Amino acid sequence: MNQGGLIKTQEKLQTMIKSLGFESISRFYITHDPRTKDKEGFIESLLLSTIPEEKMNCIDRFLECTGFDKKGGDKSTYERIYKSIAHPLSPYNFDHIHFNELKTKLTQLFAESE
């Protein structure tokens, strides 16, 4: 999703929320890769952005050695390697700064529902 896509998605969601009359109770969060300035990506991009650089470099070297095409855009390959081989017990660092925005929104949402 490029910046235009992000803005269009936000506008469409806000229009839909307004048309349903849910402005006072609705919240949304659009997942993306926080490392990109144009906020593109998907949930996999957010999760993969928390992998420590040394582990990501290891995965990159593995993919290069095995002939996988990392430019093919298959983030699930990275996710599977990281989750099952590189760090099987705790695949994502939910304390990572990249999750702060989502955690803040969820905290606010649950605080409002009490």
PDB file of N, CA and C in Angstrom:
ATOM      1  N   MET A   1       0.866  -1.156   0.000  1.00  0.00           N
ATOM      2  CA  MET A   1       0.000   0.000   0.000  1.00  0.00           C
ATOM      3  C   MET A   1       0.909   1.212   0.000  1.00  0.00           C
ATOM      4  N   ASN A   2       0.828   2.063  -1.004  1.00  0.00           N
ATOM      5  CA  ASN A   2       1.620   3.280  -0.994  1.00  0.00           C
ATOM      6  C   ASN A   2       0.899   4.343  -0.186  1.00  0.00           C
ATOM      7  N   GLN A   3       1.541   5.494   0.012  1.00  0.00           N
ATOM      8  CA  GLN A   3       0.939   6.537   0.847  1.00  0.00           C
ATOM      9  C   GLN A   3      -0.452   6.904   0.341  1.00  0.00           C
ATOM     10  N   GLY A   4      -0.623   6.973  -0.980  1.00  0.00           N
ATOM     11  CA  GLY A   4      -1.948   7.239  -1.546  1.00  0.00           C
ATOM     12  C   GLY A   4      -2.937   6.154  -1.183  1.00  0.00           C
ATOM     13  N   GLY A   5      -2.468   4.896  -1.199  1.00  0.00           N
ATOM     14  CA  GLY A   5      -3.325   3.777  -0.825  1.00  0.00           C
ATOM     15  C   GLY A   5      -3.698   3.820   0.640  1.00  0.00           C
ATOM     16  N   LEU A   6      -2.748   4.213   1.481  1.00  0.00           N
ATOM     17  CA  LEU A   6      -3.015   4.331   2.908  1.00  0.00           C
ATOM     18  C   LEU A   6      -4.066   5.408   3.162  1.00  0.00           C
ATOM     19  N   ILE A   7      -3.893   6.553   2.554  1.00  0.00           N
ATOM     20  CA  ILE A   7      -4.834   7.665   2.737  1.00  0.00           C
ATOM     21  C   ILE A   7      -6.216   7.288   2.213  1.00  0.00           C
ATOM     22  N   LYS A   8      -6.264   6.663   1.047  1.00  0.00           N
ATOM     23  CA  LYS A   8      -7.559   6.240   0.487  1.00  0.00           C
ATOM     24  C   LYS A   8      -8.244   5.221   1.389  1.00  0.00           C
ATOM     25  N   THR A   9      -7.467   4.292   1.954  1.00  0.00           N
ATOM     26  CA  THR A   9      -8.037   3.294   2.860  1.00  0.00           C
ATOM     27  C   THR A   9      -8.598   3.969   4.104  1.00  0.00           C
ATOM     28  N   GLN A  10      -7.842   4.901   4.675  1.00  0.00           N
ATOM     29  CA  GLN A  10      -8.319   5.638   5.855  1.00  0.00           C
ATOM     30  C   GLN A  10      -9.599   6.402   5.532  1.00  0.00           C
ATOM     31  N   GLU A  11      -9.617   7.077   4.378  1.00  0.00           N
ATOM     32  CA  GLU A  11     -10.801   7.846   3.992  1.00  0.00           C
ATOM     33  C   GLU A  11     -12.022   6.954   3.820  1.00  0.00           C
ATOM     34  N   LYS A  12     -11.843   5.802   3.169  1.00  0.00           N
ATOM     35  CA  LYS A  12     -12.966   4.873   2.957  1.00  0.00           C
ATOM     36  C   LYS A  12     -13.483   4.329   4.290  1.00  0.00           C
ATOM     37  N   LEU A  13     -12.570   3.977   5.190  1.00  0.00           N
ATOM     38  CA  LEU A  13     -12.994   3.485   6.499  1.00  0.00           C
ATOM     39  C   LEU A  13     -13.750   4.565   7.273  1.00  0.00           C
ATOM     40  N   GLN A  14     -13.241   5.787   7.250  1.00  0.00           N
ATOM     41  CA  GLN A  14     -13.901   6.883   7.957  1.00  0.00           C
ATOM     42  C   GLN A  14     -15.281   7.164   7.364  1.00  0.00           C
ATOM     43  N   THR A  15     -15.399   7.098   6.045  1.00  0.00           N
ATOM     44  CA  THR A  15     -16.696   7.304   5.389  1.00  0.00           C
ATOM     45  C   THR A  15     -17.679   6.208   5.804  1.00  0.00           C
ATOM     46  N   MET A  16     -17.221   4.962   5.808  1.00  0.00           N
ATOM     47  CA  MET A  16     -18.080   3.844   6.189  1.00  0.00           C
ATOM     48  C   MET A  16     -18.510   3.965   7.658  1.00  0.00           C
ATOM     49  N   ILE A  17     -17.570   4.298   8.529  1.00  0.00           N
ATOM     50  CA  ILE A  17     -17.882   4.459   9.952  1.00  0.00           C
ATOM     51  C   ILE A  17     -18.908   5.565  10.148  1.00  0.00           C
ATOM     52  N   LYS A  18     -18.719   6.667   9.442  1.00  0.00           N
ATOM     53  CA  LYS A  18     -19.650   7.799   9.555  1.00  0.00           C
ATOM     54  C   LYS A  18     -21.029   7.413   9.036  1.00  0.00           C
ATOM     55  N   SER A  19     -21.078   6.710   7.901  1.00  0.00           N
ATOM     56  CA  SER A  19     -22.378   6.336   7.327  1.00  0.00           C
ATOM     57  C   SER A  19     -23.149   5.372   8.227  1.00  0.00           C
ATOM     58  N   LEU A  20     -22.420   4.596   9.022  1.00  0.00           N
ATOM     59  CA  LEU A  20     -23.059   3.670   9.959  1.00  0.00           C
ATOM     60  C   LEU A  20     -23.373   4.332  11.303  1.00  0.00           C
ATOM     61  N   GLY A  21     -22.866   5.552  11.480  1.00  0.00           N
ATOM     62  CA  GLY A  21     -23.112   6.269  12.725  1.00  0.00           C
ATOM     63  C   GLY A  21     -22.303   5.736  13.897  1.00  0.00           C
ATOM     64  N   PHE A  22     -21.129   5.183  13.607  1.00  0.00           N
ATOM     65  CA  PHE A  22     -20.310   4.557  14.632  1.00  0.00           C
ATOM     66  C   PHE A  22     -19.109   5.400  15.051  1.00  0.00           C
ATOM     67  N   GLU A  23     -19.109   6.695  14.749  1.00  0.00           N
ATOM     68  CA  GLU A  23     -17.925   7.508  15.020  1.00  0.00           C
ATOM     69  C   GLU A  23     -17.484   7.454  16.480  1.00  0.00           C
ATOM     70  N   SER A  24     -18.422   7.449  17.398  1.00  0.00           N
ATOM     71  CA  SER A  24     -18.058   7.513  18.816  1.00  0.00           C
ATOM     72  C   SER A  24     -17.552   6.177  19.369  1.00  0.00           C
ATOM     73  N   ILE A  25     -17.781   5.087  18.659  1.00  0.00           N
ATOM     74  CA  ILE A  25     -17.377   3.785  19.191  1.00  0.00           C
ATOM     75  C   ILE A  25     -16.402   3.035  18.284  1.00  0.00           C
ATOM     76  N   SER A  26     -16.020   3.629  17.171  1.00  0.00           N
ATOM     77  CA  SER A  26     -15.179   2.913  16.209  1.00  0.00           C
ATOM     78  C   SER A  26     -13.727   3.346  16.267  1.00  0.00           C
ATOM     79  N   ARG A  27     -12.849   2.373  16.123  1.00  0.00           N
ATOM     80  CA  ARG A  27     -11.413   2.596  16.007  1.00  0.00           C
ATOM     81  C   ARG A  27     -10.904   1.643  14.939  1.00  0.00           C
ATOM     82  N   PHE A  28      -9.861   2.049  14.236  1.00  0.00           N
ATOM     83  CA  PHE A  28      -9.242   1.132  13.284  1.00  0.00           C
ATOM     84  C   PHE A  28      -7.735   1.325  13.298  1.00  0.00           C
ATOM     85  N   TYR A  29      -7.043   0.291  12.876  1.00  0.00           N
ATOM     86  CA  TYR A  29      -5.592   0.302  12.785  1.00  0.00           C
ATOM     87  C   TYR A  29      -5.228  -0.396  11.498  1.00  0.00           C
ATOM     88  N   ILE A  30      -4.477   0.276  10.650  1.00  0.00           N
ATOM     89  CA  ILE A  30      -4.056  -0.297   9.373  1.00  0.00           C
ATOM     90  C   ILE A  30      -2.629  -0.790   9.552  1.00  0.00           C
ATOM     91  N   THR A  31      -2.425  -2.092   9.409  1.00  0.00           N
ATOM     92  CA  THR A  31      -1.091  -2.648   9.619  1.00  0.00           C
ATOM     93  C   THR A  31      -0.174  -2.258   8.466  1.00  0.00           C
ATOM     94  N   HIS A  32       1.102  -2.135   8.807  1.00  0.00           N
ATOM     95  CA  HIS A  32       2.107  -1.772   7.818  1.00  0.00           C
ATOM     96  C   HIS A  32       3.487  -2.070   8.385  1.00  0.00           C
ATOM     97  N   ASP A  33       4.486  -1.901   7.548  1.00  0.00           N
ATOM     98  CA  ASP A  33       5.869  -2.042   7.972  1.00  0.00           C
ATOM     99  C   ASP A  33       6.341  -0.680   8.452  1.00  0.00           C
ATOM    100  N   PRO A  34       6.561  -0.502   9.745  1.00  0.00           N
ATOM    101  CA  PRO A  34       6.949   0.810  10.263  1.00  0.00           C
ATOM    102  C   PRO A  34       8.291   1.303   9.745  1.00  0.00           C
ATOM    103  N   ARG A  35       9.075   0.428   9.124  1.00  0.00           N
ATOM    104  CA  ARG A  35      10.387   0.834   8.606  1.00  0.00           C
ATOM    105  C   ARG A  35      10.282   1.583   7.295  1.00  0.00           C
ATOM    106  N   THR A  36       9.127   1.503   6.615  1.00  0.00           N
ATOM    107  CA  THR A  36       8.988   2.173   5.330  1.00  0.00           C
ATOM    108  C   THR A  36       8.322   3.529   5.522  1.00  0.00           C
ATOM    109  N   LYS A  37       8.824   4.521   4.831  1.00  0.00           N
ATOM    110  CA  LYS A  37       8.286   5.863   5.015  1.00  0.00           C
ATOM    111  C   LYS A  37       6.900   6.020   4.402  1.00  0.00           C
ATOM    112  N   ASP A  38       6.569   5.185   3.431  1.00  0.00           N
ATOM    113  CA  ASP A  38       5.255   5.312   2.809  1.00  0.00           C
ATOM    114  C   ASP A  38       4.228   4.360   3.411  1.00  0.00           C
ATOM    115  N   LYS A  39       4.577   3.739   4.546  1.00  0.00           N
ATOM    116  CA  LYS A  39       3.649   2.915   5.328  1.00  0.00           C
ATOM    117  C   LYS A  39       3.036   1.771   4.520  1.00  0.00           C
ATOM    118  N   GLU A  40       3.848   1.128   3.691  1.00  0.00           N
ATOM    119  CA  GLU A  40       3.316   0.001   2.940  1.00  0.00           C
ATOM    120  C   GLU A  40       3.559  -1.296   3.691  1.00  0.00           C
ATOM    121  N   GLY A  41       2.858  -2.318   3.298  1.00  0.00           N
ATOM    122  CA  GLY A  41       3.050  -3.623   3.903  1.00  0.00           C
ATOM    123  C   GLY A  41       1.779  -4.177   4.511  1.00  0.00           C
ATOM    124  N   PHE A  42       1.922  -5.331   5.115  1.00  0.00           N
ATOM    125  CA  PHE A  42       0.801  -6.050   5.684  1.00  0.00           C
ATOM    126  C   PHE A  42       1.167  -6.487   7.096  1.00  0.00           C
ATOM    127  N   ILE A  43       0.338  -7.284   7.716  1.00  0.00           N
ATOM    128  CA  ILE A  43       0.605  -7.750   9.077  1.00  0.00           C
ATOM    129  C   ILE A  43       1.942  -8.488   9.138  1.00  0.00           C
ATOM    130  N   GLU A  44       2.273  -9.238   8.098  1.00  0.00           N
ATOM    131  CA  GLU A  44       3.552  -9.936   8.081  1.00  0.00           C
ATOM    132  C   GLU A  44       4.709  -8.951   8.127  1.00  0.00           C
ATOM    133  N   SER A  45       4.536  -7.807   7.443  1.00  0.00           N
ATOM    134  CA  SER A  45       5.584  -6.785   7.441  1.00  0.00           C
ATOM    135  C   SER A  45       5.792  -6.223   8.836  1.00  0.00           C
ATOM    136  N   LEU A  46       4.710  -5.992   9.556  1.00  0.00           N
ATOM    137  CA  LEU A  46       4.812  -5.501  10.928  1.00  0.00           C
ATOM    138  C   LEU A  46       5.532  -6.519  11.802  1.00  0.00           C
ATOM    139  N   LEU A  47       5.137  -7.775  11.709  1.00  0.00           N
ATOM    140  CA  LEU A  47       5.749  -8.820  12.521  1.00  0.00           C
ATOM    141  C   LEU A  47       7.230  -8.988  12.174  1.00  0.00           C
ATOM    142  N   LEU A  48       7.539  -9.022  10.876  1.00  0.00           N
ATOM    143  CA  LEU A  48       8.925  -9.210  10.464  1.00  0.00           C
ATOM    144  C   LEU A  48       9.800  -8.016  10.824  1.00  0.00           C
ATOM    145  N   SER A  49       9.214  -6.851  10.965  1.00  0.00           N
ATOM    146  CA  SER A  49       9.997  -5.660  11.300  1.00  0.00           C
ATOM    147  C   SER A  49      10.575  -5.733  12.706  1.00  0.00           C
ATOM    148  N   THR A  50      10.089  -6.664  13.514  1.00  0.00           N
ATOM    149  CA  THR A  50      10.575  -6.794  14.890  1.00  0.00           C
ATOM    150  C   THR A  50      11.703  -7.808  15.024  1.00  0.00           C
ATOM    151  N   ILE A  51      12.024  -8.504  13.958  1.00  0.00           N
ATOM    152  CA  ILE A  51      13.104  -9.489  14.003  1.00  0.00           C
ATOM    153  C   ILE A  51      14.434  -8.746  14.133  1.00  0.00           C
ATOM    154  N   PRO A  52      15.249  -9.131  15.082  1.00  0.00           N
ATOM    155  CA  PRO A  52      16.554  -8.484  15.218  1.00  0.00           C
ATOM    156  C   PRO A  52      17.357  -8.562  13.919  1.00  0.00           C
ATOM    157  N   GLU A  53      18.100  -7.515  13.646  1.00  0.00           N
ATOM    158  CA  GLU A  53      18.827  -7.413  12.382  1.00  0.00           C
ATOM    159  C   GLU A  53      19.755  -8.600  12.132  1.00  0.00           C
ATOM    160  N   GLU A  54      20.443  -9.075  13.185  1.00  0.00           N
ATOM    161  CA  GLU A  54      21.366 -10.193  12.982  1.00  0.00           C
ATOM    162  C   GLU A  54      20.625 -11.467  12.576  1.00  0.00           C
ATOM    163  N   LYS A  55      19.417 -11.672  13.107  1.00  0.00           N
ATOM    164  CA  LYS A  55      18.627 -12.845  12.708  1.00  0.00           C
ATOM    165  C   LYS A  55      18.095 -12.670  11.282  1.00  0.00           C
ATOM    166  N   MET A  56      17.687 -11.460  10.941  1.00  0.00           N
ATOM    167  CA  MET A  56      17.201 -11.210   9.585  1.00  0.00           C
ATOM    168  C   MET A  56      18.332 -11.399   8.574  1.00  0.00           C
ATOM    169  N   ASN A  57      19.543 -10.970   8.916  1.00  0.00           N
ATOM    170  CA  ASN A  57      20.696 -11.177   8.036  1.00  0.00           C
ATOM    171  C   ASN A  57      20.968 -12.657   7.846  1.00  0.00           C
ATOM    172  N   CYS A  58      20.814 -13.439   8.910  1.00  0.00           N
ATOM    173  CA  CYS A  58      21.004 -14.887   8.832  1.00  0.00           C
ATOM    174  C   CYS A  58      19.980 -15.515   7.880  1.00  0.00           C
ATOM    175  N   ILE A  59      18.737 -15.083   8.015  1.00  0.00           N
ATOM    176  CA  ILE A  59      17.680 -15.598   7.130  1.00  0.00           C
ATOM    177  C   ILE A  59      17.969 -15.199   5.684  1.00  0.00           C
ATOM    178  N   ASP A  60      18.396 -13.948   5.487  1.00  0.00           N
ATOM    179  CA  ASP A  60      18.739 -13.495   4.130  1.00  0.00           C
ATOM    180  C   ASP A  60      19.850 -14.354   3.526  1.00  0.00           C
ATOM    181  N   ARG A  61      20.880 -14.648   4.327  1.00  0.00           N
ATOM    182  CA  ARG A  61      21.980 -15.486   3.830  1.00  0.00           C
ATOM    183  C   ARG A  61      21.485 -16.894   3.495  1.00  0.00           C
ATOM    184  N   PHE A  62      20.607 -17.442   4.353  1.00  0.00           N
ATOM    185  CA  PHE A  62      20.043 -18.762   4.093  1.00  0.00           C
ATOM    186  C   PHE A  62      19.258 -18.757   2.769  1.00  0.00           C
ATOM    187  N   LEU A  63      18.416 -17.750   2.583  1.00  0.00           N
ATOM    188  CA  LEU A  63      17.619 -17.684   1.355  1.00  0.00           C
ATOM    189  C   LEU A  63      18.508 -17.530   0.131  1.00  0.00           C
ATOM    190  N   GLU A  64      19.565 -16.756   0.265  1.00  0.00           N
ATOM    191  CA  GLU A  64      20.499 -16.571  -0.844  1.00  0.00           C
ATOM    192  C   GLU A  64      21.209 -17.878  -1.179  1.00  0.00           C
ATOM    193  N   CYS A  65      21.674 -18.587  -0.158  1.00  0.00           N
ATOM    194  CA  CYS A  65      22.384 -19.855  -0.367  1.00  0.00           C
ATOM    195  C   CYS A  65      21.497 -20.936  -0.980  1.00  0.00           C
ATOM    196  N   THR A  66      20.240 -20.947  -0.599  1.00  0.00           N
ATOM    197  CA  THR A  66      19.337 -21.990  -1.078  1.00  0.00           C
ATOM    198  C   THR A  66      18.683 -21.636  -2.409  1.00  0.00           C
ATOM    199  N   GLY A  67      18.848 -20.407  -2.849  1.00  0.00           N
ATOM    200  CA  GLY A  67      18.297 -20.010  -4.131  1.00  0.00           C
ATOM    201  C   GLY A  67      16.873 -19.496  -4.077  1.00  0.00           C
ATOM    202  N   PHE A  68      16.305 -19.330  -2.877  1.00  0.00           N
ATOM    203  CA  PHE A  68      14.976 -18.731  -2.776  1.00  0.00           C
ATOM    204  C   PHE A  68      15.050 -17.298  -3.276  1.00  0.00           C
ATOM    205  N   ASP A  69      14.005 -16.861  -3.908  1.00  0.00           N
ATOM    206  CA  ASP A  69      13.960 -15.490  -4.426  1.00  0.00           C
ATOM    207  C   ASP A  69      13.323 -14.590  -3.387  1.00  0.00           C
ATOM    208  N   LYS A  70      14.158 -13.926  -2.587  1.00  0.00           N
ATOM    209  CA  LYS A  70      13.600 -13.067  -1.536  1.00  0.00           C
ATOM    210  C   LYS A  70      12.919 -11.840  -2.121  1.00  0.00           C
ATOM    211  N   LYS A  71      13.231 -11.504  -3.354  1.00  0.00           N
ATOM    212  CA  LYS A  71      12.575 -10.363  -3.998  1.00  0.00           C
ATOM    213  C   LYS A  71      11.200 -10.749  -4.535  1.00  0.00           C
ATOM    214  N   GLY A  72      10.831 -12.009  -4.411  1.00  0.00           N
ATOM    215  CA  GLY A  72       9.540 -12.471  -4.883  1.00  0.00           C
ATOM    216  C   GLY A  72       8.376 -11.966  -4.056  1.00  0.00           C
ATOM    217  N   GLY A  73       8.678 -11.316  -2.938  1.00  0.00           N
ATOM    218  CA  GLY A  73       7.619 -10.743  -2.128  1.00  0.00           C
ATOM    219  C   GLY A  73       6.899 -11.733  -1.233  1.00  0.00           C
ATOM    220  N   ASP A  74       7.472 -12.917  -1.074  1.00  0.00           N
ATOM    221  CA  ASP A  74       6.806 -13.919  -0.251  1.00  0.00           C
ATOM    222  C   ASP A  74       7.263 -13.777   1.190  1.00  0.00           C
ATOM    223  N   LYS A  75       6.611 -12.898   1.930  1.00  0.00           N
ATOM    224  CA  LYS A  75       6.966 -12.660   3.323  1.00  0.00           C
ATOM    225  C   LYS A  75       6.676 -13.888   4.173  1.00  0.00           C
ATOM    226  N   SER A  76       5.789 -14.741   3.713  1.00  0.00           N
ATOM    227  CA  SER A  76       5.490 -15.936   4.501  1.00  0.00           C
ATOM    228  C   SER A  76       6.711 -16.853   4.585  1.00  0.00           C
ATOM    229  N   THR A  77       7.597 -16.808   3.576  1.00  0.00           N
ATOM    230  CA  THR A  77       8.828 -17.594   3.638  1.00  0.00           C
ATOM    231  C   THR A  77       9.676 -17.124   4.805  1.00  0.00           C
ATOM    232  N   TYR A  78       9.850 -15.815   4.939  1.00  0.00           N
ATOM    233  CA  TYR A  78      10.594 -15.261   6.075  1.00  0.00           C
ATOM    234  C   TYR A  78       9.923 -15.654   7.387  1.00  0.00           C
ATOM    235  N   GLU A  79       8.621 -15.503   7.432  1.00  0.00           N
ATOM    236  CA  GLU A  79       7.869 -15.776   8.660  1.00  0.00           C
ATOM    237  C   GLU A  79       8.027 -17.229   9.080  1.00  0.00           C
ATOM    238  N   ARG A  80       7.918 -18.146   8.128  1.00  0.00           N
ATOM    239  CA  ARG A  80       8.041 -19.573   8.449  1.00  0.00           C
ATOM    240  C   ARG A  80       9.447 -19.928   8.909  1.00  0.00           C
ATOM    241  N   ILE A  81      10.449 -19.392   8.230  1.00  0.00           N
ATOM    242  CA  ILE A  81      11.834 -19.676   8.626  1.00  0.00           C
ATOM    243  C   ILE A  81      12.090 -19.143  10.025  1.00  0.00           C
ATOM    244  N   TYR A  82      11.692 -17.924  10.270  1.00  0.00           N
ATOM    245  CA  TYR A  82      11.946 -17.321  11.576  1.00  0.00           C
ATOM    246  C   TYR A  82      11.214 -18.068  12.684  1.00  0.00           C
ATOM    247  N   LYS A  83       9.959 -18.361  12.426  1.00  0.00           N
ATOM    248  CA  LYS A  83       9.104 -18.987  13.443  1.00  0.00           C
ATOM    249  C   LYS A  83       9.530 -20.426  13.741  1.00  0.00           C
ATOM    250  N   SER A  84       9.912 -21.184  12.726  1.00  0.00           N
ATOM    251  CA  SER A  84      10.186 -22.601  12.951  1.00  0.00           C
ATOM    252  C   SER A  84      11.661 -22.926  13.144  1.00  0.00           C
ATOM    253  N   ILE A  85      12.558 -22.100  12.604  1.00  0.00           N
ATOM    254  CA  ILE A  85      13.981 -22.425  12.684  1.00  0.00           C
ATOM    255  C   ILE A  85      14.750 -21.427  13.547  1.00  0.00           C
ATOM    256  N   ALA A  86      14.601 -20.167  13.246  1.00  0.00           N
ATOM    257  CA  ALA A  86      15.445 -19.164  13.890  1.00  0.00           C
ATOM    258  C   ALA A  86      15.049 -18.868  15.332  1.00  0.00           C
ATOM    259  N   HIS A  87      13.773 -18.918  15.626  1.00  0.00           N
ATOM    260  CA  HIS A  87      13.333 -18.537  16.971  1.00  0.00           C
ATOM    261  C   HIS A  87      11.989 -19.191  17.285  1.00  0.00           C
ATOM    262  N   PRO A  88      11.967 -20.522  17.403  1.00  0.00           N
ATOM    263  CA  PRO A  88      10.696 -21.241  17.508  1.00  0.00           C
ATOM    264  C   PRO A  88       9.898 -21.024  18.796  1.00  0.00           C
ATOM    265  N   LEU A  89      10.536 -20.643  19.887  1.00  0.00           N
ATOM    266  CA  LEU A  89       9.803 -20.529  21.144  1.00  0.00           C
ATOM    267  C   LEU A  89       9.107 -19.181  21.329  1.00  0.00           C
ATOM    268  N   SER A  90       9.627 -18.160  20.749  1.00  0.00           N
ATOM    269  CA  SER A  90       9.046 -16.830  20.891  1.00  0.00           C
ATOM    270  C   SER A  90       9.243 -16.077  19.583  1.00  0.00           C
ATOM    271  N   PRO A  91       8.406 -16.339  18.614  1.00  0.00           N
ATOM    272  CA  PRO A  91       8.681 -15.837  17.269  1.00  0.00           C
ATOM    273  C   PRO A  91       8.630 -14.320  17.100  1.00  0.00           C
ATOM    274  N   TYR A  92       7.925 -13.603  17.941  1.00  0.00           N
ATOM    275  CA  TYR A  92       7.826 -12.163  17.758  1.00  0.00           C
ATOM    276  C   TYR A  92       8.050 -11.450  19.074  1.00  0.00           C
ATOM    277  N   ASN A  93       8.692 -10.340  19.004  1.00  0.00           N
ATOM    278  CA  ASN A  93       8.956  -9.524  20.174  1.00  0.00           C
ATOM    279  C   ASN A  93       7.858  -8.472  20.279  1.00  0.00           C
ATOM    280  N   PHE A  94       6.797  -8.778  21.012  1.00  0.00           N
ATOM    281  CA  PHE A  94       5.673  -7.853  21.117  1.00  0.00           C
ATOM    282  C   PHE A  94       5.998  -6.634  21.984  1.00  0.00           C
ATOM    283  N   ASP A  95       7.171  -6.655  22.632  1.00  0.00           N
ATOM    284  CA  ASP A  95       7.629  -5.480  23.364  1.00  0.00           C
ATOM    285  C   ASP A  95       8.386  -4.517  22.460  1.00  0.00           C
ATOM    286  N   HIS A  96       8.589  -4.908  21.204  1.00  0.00           N
ATOM    287  CA  HIS A  96       9.318  -4.076  20.244  1.00  0.00           C
ATOM    288  C   HIS A  96       8.580  -2.761  20.024  1.00  0.00           C
ATOM    289  N   ILE A  97       9.333  -1.712  19.803  1.00  0.00           N
ATOM    290  CA  ILE A  97       8.771  -0.372  19.605  1.00  0.00           C
ATOM    291  C   ILE A  97       7.759  -0.322  18.450  1.00  0.00           C
ATOM    292  N   HIS A  98       7.924  -1.189  17.461  1.00  0.00           N
ATOM    293  CA  HIS A  98       7.010  -1.186  16.318  1.00  0.00           C
ATOM    294  C   HIS A  98       5.587  -1.577  16.689  1.00  0.00           C
ATOM    295  N   PHE A  99       5.410  -2.197  17.858  1.00  0.00           N
ATOM    296  CA  PHE A  99       4.064  -2.551  18.309  1.00  0.00           C
ATOM    297  C   PHE A  99       3.438  -1.476  19.192  1.00  0.00           C
ATOM    298  N   ASN A 100       4.175  -0.429  19.520  1.00  0.00           N
ATOM    299  CA  ASN A 100       3.669   0.584  20.448  1.00  0.00           C
ATOM    300  C   ASN A 100       2.375   1.240  19.980  1.00  0.00           C
ATOM    301  N   GLU A 101       2.300   1.608  18.720  1.00  0.00           N
ATOM    302  CA  GLU A 101       1.085   2.267  18.227  1.00  0.00           C
ATOM    303  C   GLU A 101      -0.128   1.351  18.359  1.00  0.00           C
ATOM    304  N   LEU A 102       0.027   0.100  17.971  1.00  0.00           N
ATOM    305  CA  LEU A 102      -1.076  -0.855  18.077  1.00  0.00           C
ATOM    306  C   LEU A 102      -1.445  -1.095  19.536  1.00  0.00           C
ATOM    307  N   LYS A 103      -0.456  -1.261  20.408  1.00  0.00           N
ATOM    308  CA  LYS A 103      -0.746  -1.488  21.828  1.00  0.00           C
ATOM    309  C   LYS A 103      -1.456  -0.284  22.444  1.00  0.00           C
ATOM    310  N   THR A 104      -1.053   0.920  22.051  1.00  0.00           N
ATOM    311  CA  THR A 104      -1.710   2.129  22.558  1.00  0.00           C
ATOM    312  C   THR A 104      -3.168   2.163  22.130  1.00  0.00           C
ATOM    313  N   LYS A 105      -3.424   1.862  20.861  1.00  0.00           N
ATOM    314  CA  LYS A 105      -4.806   1.860  20.370  1.00  0.00           C
ATOM    315  C   LYS A 105      -5.644   0.800  21.080  1.00  0.00           C
ATOM    316  N   LEU A 106      -5.086  -0.377  21.282  1.00  0.00           N
ATOM    317  CA  LEU A 106      -5.833  -1.436  21.975  1.00  0.00           C
ATOM    318  C   LEU A 106      -6.085  -1.076  23.431  1.00  0.00           C
ATOM    319  N   THR A 107      -5.085  -0.491  24.083  1.00  0.00           N
ATOM    320  CA  THR A 107      -5.261  -0.071  25.481  1.00  0.00           C
ATOM    321  C   THR A 107      -6.377   0.963  25.588  1.00  0.00           C
ATOM    322  N   GLN A 108      -6.384   1.941  24.688  1.00  0.00           N
ATOM    323  CA  GLN A 108      -7.430   2.959  24.680  1.00  0.00           C
ATOM    324  C   GLN A 108      -8.798   2.340  24.423  1.00  0.00           C
ATOM    325  N   LEU A 109      -8.847   1.422  23.492  1.00  0.00           N
ATOM    326  CA  LEU A 109     -10.103   0.768  23.149  1.00  0.00           C
ATOM    327  C   LEU A 109     -10.680   0.019  24.353  1.00  0.00           C
ATOM    328  N   PHE A 110      -9.828  -0.768  25.029  1.00  0.00           N
ATOM    329  CA  PHE A 110     -10.315  -1.527  26.174  1.00  0.00           C
ATOM    330  C   PHE A 110     -10.635  -0.637  27.355  1.00  0.00           C
ATOM    331  N   ALA A 111      -9.923   0.475  27.508  1.00  0.00           N
ATOM    332  CA  ALA A 111     -10.216   1.410  28.601  1.00  0.00           C
ATOM    333  C   ALA A 111     -11.574   2.065  28.375  1.00  0.00           C
ATOM    334  N   GLU A 112     -11.900   2.349  27.121  1.00  0.00           N
ATOM    335  CA  GLU A 112     -13.185   2.976  26.791  1.00  0.00           C
ATOM    336  C   GLU A 112     -14.355   2.034  27.010  1.00  0.00           C
ATOM    337  N   SER A 113     -14.098   0.731  26.887  1.00  0.00           N
ATOM    338  CA  SER A 113     -15.202  -0.232  27.009  1.00  0.00           C
ATOM    339  C   SER A 113     -15.537  -0.572  28.458  1.00  0.00           C
ATOM    340  N   GLU A 114     -14.710  -0.118  29.402  1.00  0.00           N
ATOM    341  CA  GLU A 114     -14.955  -0.435  30.817  1.00  0.00           C
ATOM    342  C   GLU A 114     -16.031   0.447  31.397  1.00  0.00           C
TER     343      GLU A 114
END
